[in-house]
Amino acid sequence: VQPTVVAGLPEDHPLMKHELFVPFLCMQSFRALDEAVTRA
C-alpha cells in the first residue's frame, strides 16, 4: 500500500483514536502548545 497522510478528521474520530498498524498518518493544526499537548 502507499504511505498515506489524511487531514480534516475531528479529534474524537475513530481513526484518530484506534491503533491501525498501517501507514496512515492523521494531521491536524493547533494554535497554542498547551492545547496541542492536551490533544496529544
PDB file of all heavy atoms in Angstrom:
ATOM      1  N   VAL A   1       0.851  -1.191   0.000  1.00  0.00           N
ATOM      2  CA  VAL A   1       0.000   0.000   0.000  1.00  0.00           C
ATOM      3  C   VAL A   1       0.887   1.241   0.000  1.00  0.00           C
ATOM      4  O   VAL A   1       2.085   1.168   0.268  1.00  0.00           O
ATOM      5  CB  VAL A   1      -0.950   0.023   1.221  1.00  0.00           C
ATOM      6  CG1 VAL A   1      -1.814  -1.228   1.259  1.00  0.00           C
ATOM      7  CG2 VAL A   1      -0.157   0.168   2.527  1.00  0.00           C
ATOM      8  N   GLN A   2       0.278   2.375  -0.276  1.00  0.00           N
ATOM      9  CA  GLN A   2       1.016   3.634  -0.269  1.00  0.00           C
ATOM     10  C   GLN A   2       1.064   4.259   1.129  1.00  0.00           C
ATOM     11  O   GLN A   2       0.095   4.137   1.895  1.00  0.00           O
ATOM     12  CB  GLN A   2       0.349   4.636  -1.217  1.00  0.00           C
ATOM     13  CG  GLN A   2       0.438   4.285  -2.688  1.00  0.00           C
ATOM     14  CD  GLN A   2      -0.260   5.324  -3.542  1.00  0.00           C
ATOM     15  OE1 GLN A   2      -1.297   5.871  -3.168  1.00  0.00           O
ATOM     16  NE2 GLN A   2       0.314   5.620  -4.707  1.00  0.00           N
ATOM     17  N   PRO A   3       2.147   4.949   1.454  1.00  0.00           N
ATOM     18  CA  PRO A   3       2.141   5.754   2.681  1.00  0.00           C
ATOM     19  C   PRO A   3       1.094   6.859   2.540  1.00  0.00           C
ATOM     20  O   PRO A   3       1.026   7.521   1.505  1.00  0.00           O
ATOM     21  CB  PRO A   3       3.558   6.331   2.748  1.00  0.00           C
ATOM     22  CG  PRO A   3       4.077   6.254   1.352  1.00  0.00           C
ATOM     23  CD  PRO A   3       3.410   5.079   0.707  1.00  0.00           C
ATOM     24  N   THR A   4       0.276   7.023   3.569  1.00  0.00           N
ATOM     25  CA  THR A   4      -0.925   7.858   3.447  1.00  0.00           C
ATOM     26  C   THR A   4      -0.976   8.928   4.525  1.00  0.00           C
ATOM     27  O   THR A   4      -0.741   8.650   5.706  1.00  0.00           O
ATOM     28  CB  THR A   4      -2.177   6.957   3.499  1.00  0.00           C
ATOM     29  OG1 THR A   4      -2.141   6.074   2.366  1.00  0.00           O
ATOM     30  CG2 THR A   4      -3.454   7.767   3.475  1.00  0.00           C
ATOM     31  N   VAL A   5      -1.289  10.152   4.095  1.00  0.00           N
ATOM     32  CA  VAL A   5      -1.479  11.280   5.004  1.00  0.00           C
ATOM     33  C   VAL A   5      -2.895  11.807   4.811  1.00  0.00           C
ATOM     34  O   VAL A   5      -3.319  12.054   3.669  1.00  0.00           O
ATOM     35  CB  VAL A   5      -0.471  12.415   4.718  1.00  0.00           C
ATOM     36  CG1 VAL A   5      -0.674  13.565   5.710  1.00  0.00           C
ATOM     37  CG2 VAL A   5       0.962  11.897   4.774  1.00  0.00           C
ATOM     38  N   VAL A   6      -3.628  11.963   5.918  1.00  0.00           N
ATOM     39  CA  VAL A   6      -5.000  12.476   5.830  1.00  0.00           C
ATOM     40  C   VAL A   6      -5.152  13.672   6.765  1.00  0.00           C
ATOM     41  O   VAL A   6      -4.365  13.855   7.700  1.00  0.00           O
ATOM     42  CB  VAL A   6      -6.043  11.395   6.183  1.00  0.00           C
ATOM     43  CG1 VAL A   6      -5.851  10.152   5.328  1.00  0.00           C
ATOM     44  CG2 VAL A   6      -6.012  11.040   7.663  1.00  0.00           C
ATOM     45  N   ALA A   7      -6.176  14.466   6.514  1.00  0.00           N
ATOM     46  CA  ALA A   7      -6.460  15.638   7.350  1.00  0.00           C
ATOM     47  C   ALA A   7      -7.965  15.846   7.409  1.00  0.00           C
ATOM     48  O   ALA A   7      -8.726  15.217   6.671  1.00  0.00           O
ATOM     49  CB  ALA A   7      -5.769  16.882   6.789  1.00  0.00           C
ATOM     50  N   GLY A   8      -8.390  16.729   8.314  1.00  0.00           N
ATOM     51  CA  GLY A   8      -9.797  17.099   8.374  1.00  0.00           C
ATOM     52  C   GLY A   8     -10.674  16.218   9.216  1.00  0.00           C
ATOM     53  O   GLY A   8     -11.903  16.378   9.211  1.00  0.00           O
ATOM     54  N   LEU A   9     -10.090  15.294   9.974  1.00  0.00           N
ATOM     55  CA  LEU A   9     -10.894  14.443  10.851  1.00  0.00           C
ATOM     56  C   LEU A   9     -10.988  15.073  12.235  1.00  0.00           C
ATOM     57  O   LEU A   9     -10.011  15.641  12.734  1.00  0.00           O
ATOM     58  CB  LEU A   9     -10.266  13.051  10.973  1.00  0.00           C
ATOM     59  CG  LEU A   9     -10.227  12.218   9.694  1.00  0.00           C
ATOM     60  CD1 LEU A   9      -9.424  10.948   9.926  1.00  0.00           C
ATOM     61  CD2 LEU A   9     -11.630  11.879   9.218  1.00  0.00           C
ATOM     62  N   PRO A  10     -12.149  14.996  12.890  1.00  0.00           N
ATOM     63  CA  PRO A  10     -12.284  15.565  14.242  1.00  0.00           C
ATOM     64  C   PRO A  10     -11.479  14.757  15.260  1.00  0.00           C
ATOM     65  O   PRO A  10     -11.149  13.587  15.035  1.00  0.00           O
ATOM     66  CB  PRO A  10     -13.788  15.477  14.516  1.00  0.00           C
ATOM     67  CG  PRO A  10     -14.281  14.396  13.615  1.00  0.00           C
ATOM     68  CD  PRO A  10     -13.427  14.434  12.389  1.00  0.00           C
ATOM     69  N   GLU A  11     -11.196  15.400  16.377  1.00  0.00           N
ATOM     70  CA  GLU A  11     -10.339  14.790  17.400  1.00  0.00           C
ATOM     71  C   GLU A  11     -10.883  13.463  17.916  1.00  0.00           C
ATOM     72  O   GLU A  11     -10.116  12.549  18.252  1.00  0.00           O
ATOM     73  CB  GLU A  11     -10.177  15.761  18.570  1.00  0.00           C
ATOM     74  CG  GLU A  11      -9.104  15.367  19.561  1.00  0.00           C
ATOM     75  CD  GLU A  11      -7.702  15.477  18.987  1.00  0.00           C
ATOM     76  OE1 GLU A  11      -7.414  16.491  18.330  1.00  0.00           O
ATOM     77  OE2 GLU A  11      -6.907  14.550  19.214  1.00  0.00           O
ATOM     78  N   ASP A  12     -12.215  13.335  17.986  1.00  0.00           N
ATOM     79  CA  ASP A  12     -12.808  12.123  18.549  1.00  0.00           C
ATOM     80  C   ASP A  12     -13.131  11.073  17.492  1.00  0.00           C
ATOM     81  O   ASP A  12     -13.802  10.084  17.779  1.00  0.00           O
ATOM     82  CB  ASP A  12     -14.071  12.461  19.343  1.00  0.00           C
ATOM     83  CG  ASP A  12     -15.139  13.146  18.482  1.00  0.00           C
ATOM     84  OD1 ASP A  12     -14.851  13.459  17.304  1.00  0.00           O
ATOM     85  OD2 ASP A  12     -16.259  13.366  18.991  1.00  0.00           O
ATOM     86  N   HIS A  13     -12.651  11.249  16.273  1.00  0.00           N
ATOM     87  CA  HIS A  13     -12.929  10.281  15.215  1.00  0.00           C
ATOM     88  C   HIS A  13     -12.180   8.976  15.501  1.00  0.00           C
ATOM     89  O   HIS A  13     -11.049   8.987  16.003  1.00  0.00           O
ATOM     90  CB  HIS A  13     -12.498  10.838  13.857  1.00  0.00           C
ATOM     91  CG  HIS A  13     -13.022  10.049  12.696  1.00  0.00           C
ATOM     92  ND1 HIS A  13     -12.420   8.887  12.256  1.00  0.00           N
ATOM     93  CD2 HIS A  13     -14.098  10.252  11.886  1.00  0.00           C
ATOM     94  CE1 HIS A  13     -13.100   8.411  11.230  1.00  0.00           C
ATOM     95  NE2 HIS A  13     -14.122   9.215  10.984  1.00  0.00           N
ATOM     96  N   PRO A  14     -12.790   7.822  15.197  1.00  0.00           N
ATOM     97  CA  PRO A  14     -12.115   6.535  15.455  1.00  0.00           C
ATOM     98  C   PRO A  14     -10.729   6.421  14.835  1.00  0.00           C
ATOM     99  O   PRO A  14      -9.842   5.792  15.422  1.00  0.00           O
ATOM    100  CB  PRO A  14     -13.082   5.510  14.859  1.00  0.00           C
ATOM    101  CG  PRO A  14     -14.420   6.157  14.950  1.00  0.00           C
ATOM    102  CD  PRO A  14     -14.178   7.619  14.728  1.00  0.00           C
ATOM    103  N   LEU A  15     -10.526   7.017  13.668  1.00  0.00           N
ATOM    104  CA  LEU A  15      -9.212   6.937  13.036  1.00  0.00           C
ATOM    105  C   LEU A  15      -8.164   7.750  13.782  1.00  0.00           C
ATOM    106  O   LEU A  15      -6.957   7.531  13.609  1.00  0.00           O
ATOM    107  CB  LEU A  15      -9.289   7.406  11.577  1.00  0.00           C
ATOM    108  CG  LEU A  15     -10.162   6.544  10.654  1.00  0.00           C
ATOM    109  CD1 LEU A  15     -10.249   7.165   9.276  1.00  0.00           C
ATOM    110  CD2 LEU A  15      -9.631   5.113  10.570  1.00  0.00           C
ATOM    111  N   MET A  16      -8.593   8.665  14.620  1.00  0.00           N
ATOM    112  CA  MET A  16      -7.687   9.420  15.490  1.00  0.00           C
ATOM    113  C   MET A  16      -7.453   8.703  16.819  1.00  0.00           C
ATOM    114  O   MET A  16      -6.551   9.075  17.581  1.00  0.00           O
ATOM    115  CB  MET A  16      -8.257  10.812  15.774  1.00  0.00           C
ATOM    116  CG  MET A  16      -8.274  11.767  14.602  1.00  0.00           C
ATOM    117  SD  MET A  16      -6.635  12.379  14.154  1.00  0.00           S
ATOM    118  CE  MET A  16      -6.207  13.353  15.602  1.00  0.00           C
ATOM    119  N   LYS A  17      -8.269   7.710  17.113  1.00  0.00           N
ATOM    120  CA  LYS A  17      -8.234   7.064  18.426  1.00  0.00           C
ATOM    121  C   LYS A  17      -7.693   5.639  18.395  1.00  0.00           C
ATOM    122  O   LYS A  17      -7.033   5.202  19.333  1.00  0.00           O
ATOM    123  CB  LYS A  17      -9.652   7.026  19.021  1.00  0.00           C
ATOM    124  CG  LYS A  17     -10.236   8.402  19.321  1.00  0.00           C
ATOM    125  CD  LYS A  17      -9.438   9.101  20.393  1.00  0.00           C
ATOM    126  CE  LYS A  17     -10.055  10.435  20.759  1.00  0.00           C
ATOM    127  NZ  LYS A  17      -9.201  11.173  21.723  1.00  0.00           N
ATOM    128  N   HIS A  18      -8.006   4.888  17.343  1.00  0.00           N
ATOM    129  CA  HIS A  18      -7.698   3.462  17.314  1.00  0.00           C
ATOM    130  C   HIS A  18      -6.345   3.196  16.658  1.00  0.00           C
ATOM    131  O   HIS A  18      -6.024   3.790  15.623  1.00  0.00           O
ATOM    132  CB  HIS A  18      -8.785   2.695  16.563  1.00  0.00           C
ATOM    133  CG  HIS A  18     -10.128   2.817  17.194  1.00  0.00           C
ATOM    134  ND1 HIS A  18     -11.303   2.586  16.514  1.00  0.00           N
ATOM    135  CD2 HIS A  18     -10.499   3.148  18.463  1.00  0.00           C
ATOM    136  CE1 HIS A  18     -12.330   2.778  17.319  1.00  0.00           C
ATOM    137  NE2 HIS A  18     -11.863   3.112  18.507  1.00  0.00           N
ATOM    138  N   GLU A  19      -5.586   2.289  17.260  1.00  0.00           N
ATOM    139  CA  GLU A  19      -4.331   1.875  16.637  1.00  0.00           C
ATOM    140  C   GLU A  19      -4.650   1.062  15.386  1.00  0.00           C
ATOM    141  O   GLU A  19      -5.371   0.066  15.441  1.00  0.00           O
ATOM    142  CB  GLU A  19      -3.498   1.036  17.606  1.00  0.00           C
ATOM    143  CG  GLU A  19      -2.138   0.662  17.042  1.00  0.00           C
ATOM    144  CD  GLU A  19      -1.316  -0.186  17.985  1.00  0.00           C
ATOM    145  OE1 GLU A  19      -1.886  -1.103  18.614  1.00  0.00           O
ATOM    146  OE2 GLU A  19      -0.107   0.047  18.087  1.00  0.00           O
ATOM    147  N   LEU A  20      -4.095   1.465  14.247  1.00  0.00           N
ATOM    148  CA  LEU A  20      -4.397   0.818  12.974  1.00  0.00           C
ATOM    149  C   LEU A  20      -3.295  -0.130  12.520  1.00  0.00           C
ATOM    150  O   LEU A  20      -3.555  -1.104  11.825  1.00  0.00           O
ATOM    151  CB  LEU A  20      -4.632   1.878  11.893  1.00  0.00           C
ATOM    152  CG  LEU A  20      -5.739   2.893  12.179  1.00  0.00           C
ATOM    153  CD1 LEU A  20      -5.798   3.942  11.071  1.00  0.00           C
ATOM    154  CD2 LEU A  20      -7.094   2.194  12.322  1.00  0.00           C
ATOM    155  N   PHE A  21      -2.060   0.166  12.850  1.00  0.00           N
ATOM    156  CA  PHE A  21      -0.896  -0.650  12.468  1.00  0.00           C
ATOM    157  C   PHE A  21      -0.724  -0.725  10.952  1.00  0.00           C
ATOM    158  O   PHE A  21      -0.377  -1.758  10.391  1.00  0.00           O
ATOM    159  CB  PHE A  21      -1.009  -2.055  13.075  1.00  0.00           C
ATOM    160  CG  PHE A  21       0.177  -2.406  13.948  1.00  0.00           C
ATOM    161  CD1 PHE A  21       0.542  -1.592  14.999  1.00  0.00           C
ATOM    162  CD2 PHE A  21       0.927  -3.550  13.719  1.00  0.00           C
ATOM    163  CE1 PHE A  21       1.637  -1.898  15.803  1.00  0.00           C
ATOM    164  CE2 PHE A  21       2.028  -3.872  14.516  1.00  0.00           C
ATOM    165  CZ  PHE A  21       2.376  -3.041  15.563  1.00  0.00           C
ATOM    166  N   VAL A  22      -0.973   0.384  10.298  1.00  0.00           N
ATOM    167  CA  VAL A  22      -0.768   0.539   8.861  1.00  0.00           C
ATOM    168  C   VAL A  22      -0.174   1.933   8.635  1.00  0.00           C
ATOM    169  O   VAL A  22      -0.219   2.776   9.532  1.00  0.00           O
ATOM    170  CB  VAL A  22      -2.088   0.375   8.066  1.00  0.00           C
ATOM    171  CG1 VAL A  22      -2.653  -1.031   8.225  1.00  0.00           C
ATOM    172  CG2 VAL A  22      -3.136   1.410   8.492  1.00  0.00           C
ATOM    173  N   PRO A  23       0.358   2.229   7.435  1.00  0.00           N
ATOM    174  CA  PRO A  23       0.979   3.542   7.195  1.00  0.00           C
ATOM    175  C   PRO A  23      -0.056   4.626   6.934  1.00  0.00           C
ATOM    176  O   PRO A  23      -0.292   5.046   5.798  1.00  0.00           O
ATOM    177  CB  PRO A  23       1.854   3.272   5.965  1.00  0.00           C
ATOM    178  CG  PRO A  23       1.139   2.193   5.225  1.00  0.00           C
ATOM    179  CD  PRO A  23       0.538   1.314   6.294  1.00  0.00           C
ATOM    180  N   PHE A  24      -0.654   5.125   8.004  1.00  0.00           N
ATOM    181  CA  PHE A  24      -1.804   6.022   7.922  1.00  0.00           C
ATOM    182  C   PHE A  24      -1.606   7.119   8.952  1.00  0.00           C
ATOM    183  O   PHE A  24      -1.709   6.884  10.164  1.00  0.00           O
ATOM    184  CB  PHE A  24      -3.083   5.221   8.203  1.00  0.00           C
ATOM    185  CG  PHE A  24      -4.359   5.943   7.914  1.00  0.00           C
ATOM    186  CD1 PHE A  24      -4.994   5.794   6.693  1.00  0.00           C
ATOM    187  CD2 PHE A  24      -4.956   6.755   8.866  1.00  0.00           C
ATOM    188  CE1 PHE A  24      -6.198   6.429   6.416  1.00  0.00           C
ATOM    189  CE2 PHE A  24      -6.150   7.403   8.609  1.00  0.00           C
ATOM    190  CZ  PHE A  24      -6.778   7.241   7.371  1.00  0.00           C
ATOM    191  N   LEU A  25      -1.282   8.327   8.493  1.00  0.00           N
ATOM    192  CA  LEU A  25      -0.945   9.439   9.373  1.00  0.00           C
ATOM    193  C   LEU A  25      -2.041  10.495   9.334  1.00  0.00           C
ATOM    194  O   LEU A  25      -2.383  11.010   8.270  1.00  0.00           O
ATOM    195  CB  LEU A  25       0.378  10.064   8.923  1.00  0.00           C
ATOM    196  CG  LEU A  25       0.859  11.301   9.680  1.00  0.00           C
ATOM    197  CD1 LEU A  25       1.210  10.947  11.123  1.00  0.00           C
ATOM    198  CD2 LEU A  25       2.062  11.921   8.968  1.00  0.00           C
ATOM    199  N   CYS A  26      -2.594  10.824  10.509  1.00  0.00           N
ATOM    200  CA  CYS A  26      -3.636  11.853  10.633  1.00  0.00           C
ATOM    201  C   CYS A  26      -3.002  13.183  11.039  1.00  0.00           C
ATOM    202  O   CYS A  26      -2.291  13.250  12.051  1.00  0.00           O
ATOM    203  CB  CYS A  26      -4.668  11.443  11.684  1.00  0.00           C
ATOM    204  SG  CYS A  26      -5.552   9.918  11.308  1.00  0.00           S
ATOM    205  N   MET A  27      -3.313  14.232  10.274  1.00  0.00           N
ATOM    206  CA  MET A  27      -2.732  15.547  10.527  1.00  0.00           C
ATOM    207  C   MET A  27      -3.802  16.523  10.983  1.00  0.00           C
ATOM    208  O   MET A  27      -4.901  16.559  10.443  1.00  0.00           O
ATOM    209  CB  MET A  27      -2.069  16.074   9.245  1.00  0.00           C
ATOM    210  CG  MET A  27      -1.421  17.436   9.383  1.00  0.00           C
ATOM    211  SD  MET A  27      -0.627  17.952   7.835  1.00  0.00           S
ATOM    212  CE  MET A  27      -0.093  19.599   8.291  1.00  0.00           C
ATOM    213  N   GLN A  28      -3.465  17.329  12.023  1.00  0.00           N
ATOM    214  CA  GLN A  28      -4.328  18.404  12.494  1.00  0.00           C
ATOM    215  C   GLN A  28      -3.472  19.631  12.814  1.00  0.00           C
ATOM    216  O   GLN A  28      -2.255  19.500  12.995  1.00  0.00           O
ATOM    217  CB  GLN A  28      -5.104  17.984  13.742  1.00  0.00           C
ATOM    218  CG  GLN A  28      -6.176  16.940  13.514  1.00  0.00           C
ATOM    219  CD  GLN A  28      -7.061  16.768  14.729  1.00  0.00           C
ATOM    220  OE1 GLN A  28      -6.723  17.189  15.823  1.00  0.00           O
ATOM    221  NE2 GLN A  28      -8.207  16.138  14.546  1.00  0.00           N
ATOM    222  N   SER A  29      -4.096  20.784  12.914  1.00  0.00           N
ATOM    223  CA  SER A  29      -3.368  22.001  13.275  1.00  0.00           C
ATOM    224  C   SER A  29      -3.783  22.458  14.667  1.00  0.00           C
ATOM    225  O   SER A  29      -4.806  22.028  15.199  1.00  0.00           O
ATOM    226  CB  SER A  29      -3.630  23.105  12.251  1.00  0.00           C
ATOM    227  OG  SER A  29      -4.992  23.497  12.280  1.00  0.00           O
ATOM    228  N   PHE A  30      -2.952  23.344  15.257  1.00  0.00           N
ATOM    229  CA  PHE A  30      -3.263  23.912  16.574  1.00  0.00           C
ATOM    230  C   PHE A  30      -2.743  25.338  16.626  1.00  0.00           C
ATOM    231  O   PHE A  30      -1.909  25.759  15.812  1.00  0.00           O
ATOM    232  CB  PHE A  30      -2.637  23.065  17.681  1.00  0.00           C
ATOM    233  CG  PHE A  30      -1.126  23.120  17.732  1.00  0.00           C
ATOM    234  CD1 PHE A  30      -0.469  24.076  18.507  1.00  0.00           C
ATOM    235  CD2 PHE A  30      -0.355  22.218  17.009  1.00  0.00           C
ATOM    236  CE1 PHE A  30       0.912  24.137  18.555  1.00  0.00           C
ATOM    237  CE2 PHE A  30       1.034  22.269  17.055  1.00  0.00           C
ATOM    238  CZ  PHE A  30       1.665  23.226  17.817  1.00  0.00           C
ATOM    239  N   ARG A  31      -3.201  26.097  17.625  1.00  0.00           N
ATOM    240  CA  ARG A  31      -2.788  27.497  17.774  1.00  0.00           C
ATOM    241  C   ARG A  31      -1.966  27.745  19.033  1.00  0.00           C
ATOM    242  O   ARG A  31      -1.236  28.733  19.095  1.00  0.00           O
ATOM    243  CB  ARG A  31      -4.021  28.407  17.759  1.00  0.00           C
ATOM    244  CG  ARG A  31      -4.716  28.433  16.401  1.00  0.00           C
ATOM    245  CD  ARG A  31      -5.818  29.463  16.341  1.00  0.00           C
ATOM    246  NE  ARG A  31      -6.454  29.492  15.015  1.00  0.00           N
ATOM    247  CZ  ARG A  31      -5.994  30.195  13.977  1.00  0.00           C
ATOM    248  NH1 ARG A  31      -4.897  30.938  14.115  1.00  0.00           N
ATOM    249  NH2 ARG A  31      -6.624  30.174  12.823  1.00  0.00           N
ATOM    250  N   ALA A  32      -2.076  26.880  20.040  1.00  0.00           N
ATOM    251  CA  ALA A  32      -1.317  27.069  21.281  1.00  0.00           C
ATOM    252  C   ALA A  32      -0.722  25.730  21.696  1.00  0.00           C
ATOM    253  O   ALA A  32      -1.388  24.685  21.592  1.00  0.00           O
ATOM    254  CB  ALA A  32      -2.208  27.621  22.388  1.00  0.00           C
ATOM    255  N   LEU A  33       0.523  25.748  22.172  1.00  0.00           N
ATOM    256  CA  LEU A  33       1.211  24.495  22.511  1.00  0.00           C
ATOM    257  C   LEU A  33       0.486  23.727  23.609  1.00  0.00           C
ATOM    258  O   LEU A  33       0.381  22.494  23.546  1.00  0.00           O
ATOM    259  CB  LEU A  33       2.651  24.793  22.926  1.00  0.00           C
ATOM    260  CG  LEU A  33       3.503  23.575  23.291  1.00  0.00           C
ATOM    261  CD1 LEU A  33       3.530  22.548  22.164  1.00  0.00           C
ATOM    262  CD2 LEU A  33       4.923  24.006  23.662  1.00  0.00           C
ATOM    263  N   ASP A  34      -0.007  24.425  24.630  1.00  0.00           N
ATOM    264  CA  ASP A  34      -0.729  23.725  25.695  1.00  0.00           C
ATOM    265  C   ASP A  34      -1.921  22.963  25.128  1.00  0.00           C
ATOM    266  O   ASP A  34      -2.227  21.846  25.574  1.00  0.00           O
ATOM    267  CB  ASP A  34      -1.202  24.721  26.753  1.00  0.00           C
ATOM    268  CG  ASP A  34      -0.068  25.237  27.617  1.00  0.00           C
ATOM    269  OD1 ASP A  34       1.002  24.600  27.621  1.00  0.00           O
ATOM    270  OD2 ASP A  34      -0.250  26.275  28.278  1.00  0.00           O
ATOM    271  N   GLU A  35      -2.591  23.568  24.165  1.00  0.00           N
ATOM    272  CA  GLU A  35      -3.722  22.902  23.504  1.00  0.00           C
ATOM    273  C   GLU A  35      -3.244  21.639  22.783  1.00  0.00           C
ATOM    274  O   GLU A  35      -3.881  20.580  22.861  1.00  0.00           O
ATOM    275  CB  GLU A  35      -4.356  23.869  22.503  1.00  0.00           C
ATOM    276  CG  GLU A  35      -5.337  23.229  21.516  1.00  0.00           C
ATOM    277  CD  GLU A  35      -5.469  24.025  20.232  1.00  0.00           C
ATOM    278  OE1 GLU A  35      -5.043  25.203  20.191  1.00  0.00           O
ATOM    279  OE2 GLU A  35      -6.000  23.457  19.258  1.00  0.00           O
ATOM    280  N   ALA A  36      -2.116  21.731  22.083  1.00  0.00           N
ATOM    281  CA  ALA A  36      -1.594  20.577  21.340  1.00  0.00           C
ATOM    282  C   ALA A  36      -1.225  19.434  22.278  1.00  0.00           C
ATOM    283  O   ALA A  36      -1.514  18.264  22.002  1.00  0.00           O
ATOM    284  CB  ALA A  36      -0.384  20.990  20.513  1.00  0.00           C
ATOM    285  N   VAL A  37      -0.585  19.770  23.399  1.00  0.00           N
ATOM    286  CA  VAL A  37      -0.204  18.732  24.360  1.00  0.00           C
ATOM    287  C   VAL A  37      -1.447  18.058  24.941  1.00  0.00           C
ATOM    288  O   VAL A  37      -1.501  16.831  25.085  1.00  0.00           O
ATOM    289  CB  VAL A  37       0.672  19.335  25.477  1.00  0.00           C
ATOM    290  CG1 VAL A  37       0.903  18.315  26.591  1.00  0.00           C
ATOM    291  CG2 VAL A  37       2.004  19.813  24.906  1.00  0.00           C
ATOM    292  N   THR A  38      -2.462  18.860  25.249  1.00  0.00           N
ATOM    293  CA  THR A  38      -3.705  18.293  25.775  1.00  0.00           C
ATOM    294  C   THR A  38      -4.349  17.341  24.767  1.00  0.00           C
ATOM    295  O   THR A  38      -4.792  16.250  25.120  1.00  0.00           O
ATOM    296  CB  THR A  38      -4.687  19.418  26.135  1.00  0.00           C
ATOM    297  OG1 THR A  38      -4.122  20.230  27.161  1.00  0.00           O
ATOM    298  CG2 THR A  38      -6.019  18.854  26.614  1.00  0.00           C
ATOM    299  N   ARG A  39      -4.385  17.750  23.513  1.00  0.00           N
ATOM    300  CA  ARG A  39      -4.986  16.899  22.482  1.00  0.00           C
ATOM    301  C   ARG A  39      -4.142  15.652  22.227  1.00  0.00           C
ATOM    302  O   ARG A  39      -4.669  14.557  22.006  1.00  0.00           O
ATOM    303  CB  ARG A  39      -5.173  17.705  21.200  1.00  0.00           C
ATOM    304  CG  ARG A  39      -6.323  18.708  21.315  1.00  0.00           C
ATOM    305  CD  ARG A  39      -6.226  19.811  20.288  1.00  0.00           C
ATOM    306  NE  ARG A  39      -6.319  19.313  18.906  1.00  0.00           N
ATOM    307  CZ  ARG A  39      -6.130  20.061  17.838  1.00  0.00           C
ATOM    308  NH1 ARG A  39      -5.833  21.355  17.983  1.00  0.00           N
ATOM    309  NH2 ARG A  39      -6.238  19.545  16.638  1.00  0.00           N
ATOM    310  N   ALA A  40      -2.832  15.812  22.263  1.00  0.00           N
ATOM    311  CA  ALA A  40      -1.955  14.652  22.089  1.00  0.00           C
ATOM    312  C   ALA A  40      -2.166  13.630  23.204  1.00  0.00           C
ATOM    313  O   ALA A  40      -2.121  12.414  22.973  1.00  0.00           O
ATOM    314  CB  ALA A  40      -0.507  15.099  22.048  1.00  0.00           C
TER     315      ALA A  40
END
